[in-house]
Amino acid sequence: MTMTQRFYSVTEAAAFLGITKTTFLQRRPQPVPDALIGKVRGWTEQTLREWNQTPAPKGGAPRRPIPEPPTTVDPRT
């Protein structure tokens, strides 16, 4: 059985990083895509995390940490 790999589009990548699509597109240098489907770029979580941890270019705003997903609490405990 073949495993399907998850790639994030620009919109999904921005949401994953907790930023707007415009901010994602304005940051330079852009991360190198892990996949191309036609003209659509895709990135893995690992690539996005690594790119987000790189220092911002001189004069650029510092990169924000990736928001942690909300934790769920089991009300029965």
N, C-alpha and C. Protein backbone atom coordinates (compact mmCIF):
# COMPACT_ATOMS: atom_id res chain seq x y z
N MET A 1 0.83 -1.17 0.00
CA MET A 1 0.00 0.00 0.00
C MET A 1 0.89 1.25 0.00
N THR A 2 0.55 2.22 -0.81
CA THR A 2 1.30 3.46 -0.91
C THR A 2 0.78 4.48 0.09
N MET A 3 1.70 5.11 0.81
CA MET A 3 1.31 6.16 1.75
C MET A 3 1.13 7.47 1.00
N THR A 4 0.09 8.19 1.31
CA THR A 4 -0.13 9.50 0.72
C THR A 4 0.58 10.54 1.57
N GLN A 5 1.37 11.39 0.93
CA GLN A 5 2.08 12.44 1.65
C GLN A 5 1.27 13.72 1.61
N ARG A 6 1.23 14.44 2.72
CA ARG A 6 0.44 15.67 2.85
C ARG A 6 1.28 16.86 2.46
N PHE A 7 0.78 17.67 1.53
CA PHE A 7 1.42 18.92 1.13
C PHE A 7 0.45 20.06 1.39
N TYR A 8 0.98 21.20 1.82
CA TYR A 8 0.18 22.37 2.12
C TYR A 8 0.27 23.37 0.97
N SER A 9 -0.88 23.88 0.53
CA SER A 9 -0.93 24.94 -0.48
C SER A 9 -0.53 26.25 0.19
N VAL A 10 -0.44 27.33 -0.58
CA VAL A 10 -0.11 28.64 -0.01
C VAL A 10 -1.10 29.01 1.08
N THR A 11 -2.38 28.88 0.81
CA THR A 11 -3.41 29.24 1.79
C THR A 11 -3.30 28.36 3.04
N GLU A 12 -3.12 27.06 2.85
CA GLU A 12 -3.01 26.14 3.98
C GLU A 12 -1.71 26.38 4.76
N ALA A 13 -0.62 26.67 4.04
CA ALA A 13 0.66 26.94 4.70
C ALA A 13 0.55 28.17 5.58
N ALA A 14 -0.08 29.22 5.06
CA ALA A 14 -0.26 30.44 5.85
C ALA A 14 -1.07 30.15 7.11
N ALA A 15 -2.16 29.41 6.97
CA ALA A 15 -2.99 29.06 8.13
C ALA A 15 -2.19 28.23 9.13
N PHE A 16 -1.40 27.27 8.65
CA PHE A 16 -0.58 26.43 9.51
C PHE A 16 0.41 27.28 10.31
N LEU A 17 0.98 28.31 9.66
CA LEU A 17 1.96 29.17 10.31
C LEU A 17 1.32 30.27 11.16
N GLY A 18 0.00 30.43 11.05
CA GLY A 18 -0.68 31.45 11.82
C GLY A 18 -0.50 32.85 11.26
N ILE A 19 -0.32 32.96 9.95
CA ILE A 19 -0.14 34.25 9.28
C ILE A 19 -1.13 34.35 8.12
N THR A 20 -1.21 35.51 7.51
CA THR A 20 -2.10 35.66 6.37
C THR A 20 -1.42 35.16 5.10
N LYS A 21 -2.23 34.88 4.11
CA LYS A 21 -1.70 34.45 2.81
C LYS A 21 -0.79 35.54 2.23
N THR A 22 -1.18 36.80 2.38
CA THR A 22 -0.37 37.91 1.87
C THR A 22 1.00 37.93 2.54
N THR A 23 1.02 37.77 3.86
CA THR A 23 2.29 37.76 4.59
C THR A 23 3.17 36.60 4.11
N PHE A 24 2.56 35.43 3.94
CA PHE A 24 3.32 34.28 3.46
C PHE A 24 3.96 34.58 2.10
N LEU A 25 3.18 35.18 1.21
CA LEU A 25 3.68 35.46 -0.13
C LEU A 25 4.71 36.59 -0.16
N GLN A 26 4.69 37.47 0.84
CA GLN A 26 5.63 38.59 0.87
C GLN A 26 6.96 38.23 1.52
N ARG A 27 6.99 37.18 2.32
CA ARG A 27 8.24 36.80 2.99
C ARG A 27 9.25 36.30 1.97
N ARG A 28 10.45 36.74 2.13
CA ARG A 28 11.53 36.32 1.24
C ARG A 28 12.69 35.83 2.08
N PRO A 29 13.44 34.88 1.62
CA PRO A 29 13.13 34.06 0.44
C PRO A 29 12.01 33.07 0.74
N GLN A 30 11.26 32.73 -0.28
CA GLN A 30 10.20 31.74 -0.14
C GLN A 30 10.81 30.36 0.07
N PRO A 31 10.12 29.48 0.80
CA PRO A 31 10.65 28.12 0.92
C PRO A 31 10.55 27.41 -0.44
N VAL A 32 11.51 26.57 -0.71
CA VAL A 32 11.49 25.79 -1.95
C VAL A 32 10.36 24.77 -1.85
N PRO A 33 9.47 24.70 -2.84
CA PRO A 33 8.36 23.75 -2.75
C PRO A 33 8.85 22.30 -2.72
N ASP A 34 8.15 21.48 -1.97
CA ASP A 34 8.44 20.04 -1.93
C ASP A 34 7.73 19.32 -3.07
N ALA A 35 6.70 19.96 -3.63
CA ALA A 35 5.93 19.35 -4.72
C ALA A 35 5.38 20.44 -5.62
N LEU A 36 5.23 20.10 -6.88
CA LEU A 36 4.56 20.97 -7.85
C LEU A 36 3.53 20.13 -8.58
N ILE A 37 2.29 20.62 -8.59
CA ILE A 37 1.24 19.97 -9.37
C ILE A 37 0.77 21.05 -10.33
N GLY A 38 1.21 20.95 -11.57
CA GLY A 38 0.99 22.04 -12.51
C GLY A 38 1.74 23.25 -11.99
N LYS A 39 1.03 24.34 -11.75
CA LYS A 39 1.65 25.55 -11.20
C LYS A 39 1.43 25.69 -9.70
N VAL A 40 0.77 24.72 -9.09
CA VAL A 40 0.45 24.78 -7.66
C VAL A 40 1.63 24.24 -6.86
N ARG A 41 2.12 25.06 -5.92
CA ARG A 41 3.23 24.66 -5.06
C ARG A 41 2.71 24.00 -3.79
N GLY A 42 3.48 23.07 -3.25
CA GLY A 42 3.11 22.40 -2.02
C GLY A 42 4.31 22.20 -1.12
N TRP A 43 4.08 22.32 0.19
CA TRP A 43 5.15 22.16 1.17
C TRP A 43 4.73 21.18 2.25
N THR A 44 5.70 20.48 2.81
CA THR A 44 5.45 19.59 3.94
C THR A 44 5.50 20.41 5.24
N GLU A 45 4.95 19.84 6.31
CA GLU A 45 5.02 20.51 7.62
C GLU A 45 6.47 20.76 8.00
N GLN A 46 7.33 19.78 7.76
CA GLN A 46 8.74 19.92 8.14
C GLN A 46 9.38 21.11 7.42
N THR A 47 9.14 21.25 6.12
CA THR A 47 9.70 22.37 5.37
C THR A 47 9.19 23.69 5.92
N LEU A 48 7.89 23.77 6.21
CA LEU A 48 7.32 25.02 6.74
C LEU A 48 7.88 25.35 8.11
N ARG A 49 8.04 24.34 8.96
CA ARG A 49 8.62 24.59 10.29
C ARG A 49 10.06 25.08 10.18
N GLU A 50 10.85 24.43 9.32
CA GLU A 50 12.25 24.83 9.15
C GLU A 50 12.34 26.25 8.59
N TRP A 51 11.52 26.55 7.60
CA TRP A 51 11.53 27.89 7.00
C TRP A 51 11.12 28.94 8.02
N ASN A 52 10.12 28.63 8.83
CA ASN A 52 9.64 29.58 9.83
C ASN A 52 10.68 29.84 10.91
N GLN A 53 11.59 28.91 11.13
CA GLN A 53 12.62 29.08 12.17
C GLN A 53 13.84 29.83 11.67
N THR A 54 13.94 30.05 10.35
CA THR A 54 15.09 30.79 9.82
C THR A 54 14.94 32.26 10.19
N PRO A 55 16.06 32.95 10.40
CA PRO A 55 15.96 34.37 10.75
C PRO A 55 15.31 35.17 9.62
N ALA A 56 14.57 36.19 10.02
CA ALA A 56 13.96 37.09 9.03
C ALA A 56 15.08 37.87 8.33
N PRO A 57 14.89 38.23 7.06
CA PRO A 57 15.89 39.03 6.37
C PRO A 57 16.10 40.36 7.08
N LYS A 58 17.25 40.97 6.84
CA LYS A 58 17.57 42.25 7.46
C LYS A 58 16.44 43.24 7.21
N GLY A 59 15.97 43.85 8.27
CA GLY A 59 14.89 44.83 8.16
C GLY A 59 13.51 44.21 8.16
N GLY A 60 13.43 42.88 8.12
CA GLY A 60 12.12 42.21 8.10
C GLY A 60 11.61 41.99 9.51
N ALA A 61 10.33 41.80 9.60
CA ALA A 61 9.72 41.51 10.89
C ALA A 61 10.14 40.12 11.35
N PRO A 62 10.34 39.92 12.65
CA PRO A 62 10.70 38.59 13.13
C PRO A 62 9.58 37.59 12.86
N ARG A 63 9.96 36.37 12.61
CA ARG A 63 8.98 35.33 12.36
C ARG A 63 8.33 34.92 13.68
N ARG A 64 7.03 34.66 13.61
CA ARG A 64 6.29 34.26 14.81
C ARG A 64 6.37 32.74 14.96
N PRO A 65 6.33 32.25 16.21
CA PRO A 65 6.30 30.79 16.40
C PRO A 65 5.00 30.22 15.84
N ILE A 66 5.06 28.98 15.41
CA ILE A 66 3.88 28.29 14.89
C ILE A 66 2.94 28.04 16.06
N PRO A 67 1.66 28.43 15.93
CA PRO A 67 0.73 28.20 17.04
C PRO A 67 0.53 26.71 17.28
N GLU A 68 0.44 26.37 18.54
CA GLU A 68 0.18 24.97 18.91
C GLU A 68 -1.31 24.69 18.72
N PRO A 69 -1.64 23.48 18.27
CA PRO A 69 -3.06 23.16 18.14
C PRO A 69 -3.72 23.14 19.51
N PRO A 70 -4.98 23.52 19.59
CA PRO A 70 -5.66 23.53 20.89
C PRO A 70 -5.74 22.13 21.48
N THR A 71 -5.61 22.06 22.77
CA THR A 71 -5.74 20.76 23.43
C THR A 71 -7.20 20.56 23.82
N THR A 72 -7.61 19.34 23.77
CA THR A 72 -8.97 19.04 24.16
C THR A 72 -8.96 18.38 25.53
N VAL A 73 -9.95 18.71 26.30
CA VAL A 73 -10.06 18.15 27.66
C VAL A 73 -11.29 17.25 27.68
N ASP A 74 -11.08 16.07 28.20
CA ASP A 74 -12.19 15.12 28.31
C ASP A 74 -13.01 15.51 29.54
N PRO A 75 -14.26 15.97 29.35
CA PRO A 75 -15.05 16.42 30.50
C PRO A 75 -15.41 15.28 31.45
N ARG A 76 -15.21 14.05 31.05
CA ARG A 76 -15.54 12.91 31.92
C ARG A 76 -14.48 12.64 32.95
N THR A 77 -13.31 13.31 32.85
CA THR A 77 -12.24 13.07 33.83
C THR A 77 -12.18 14.14 34.86
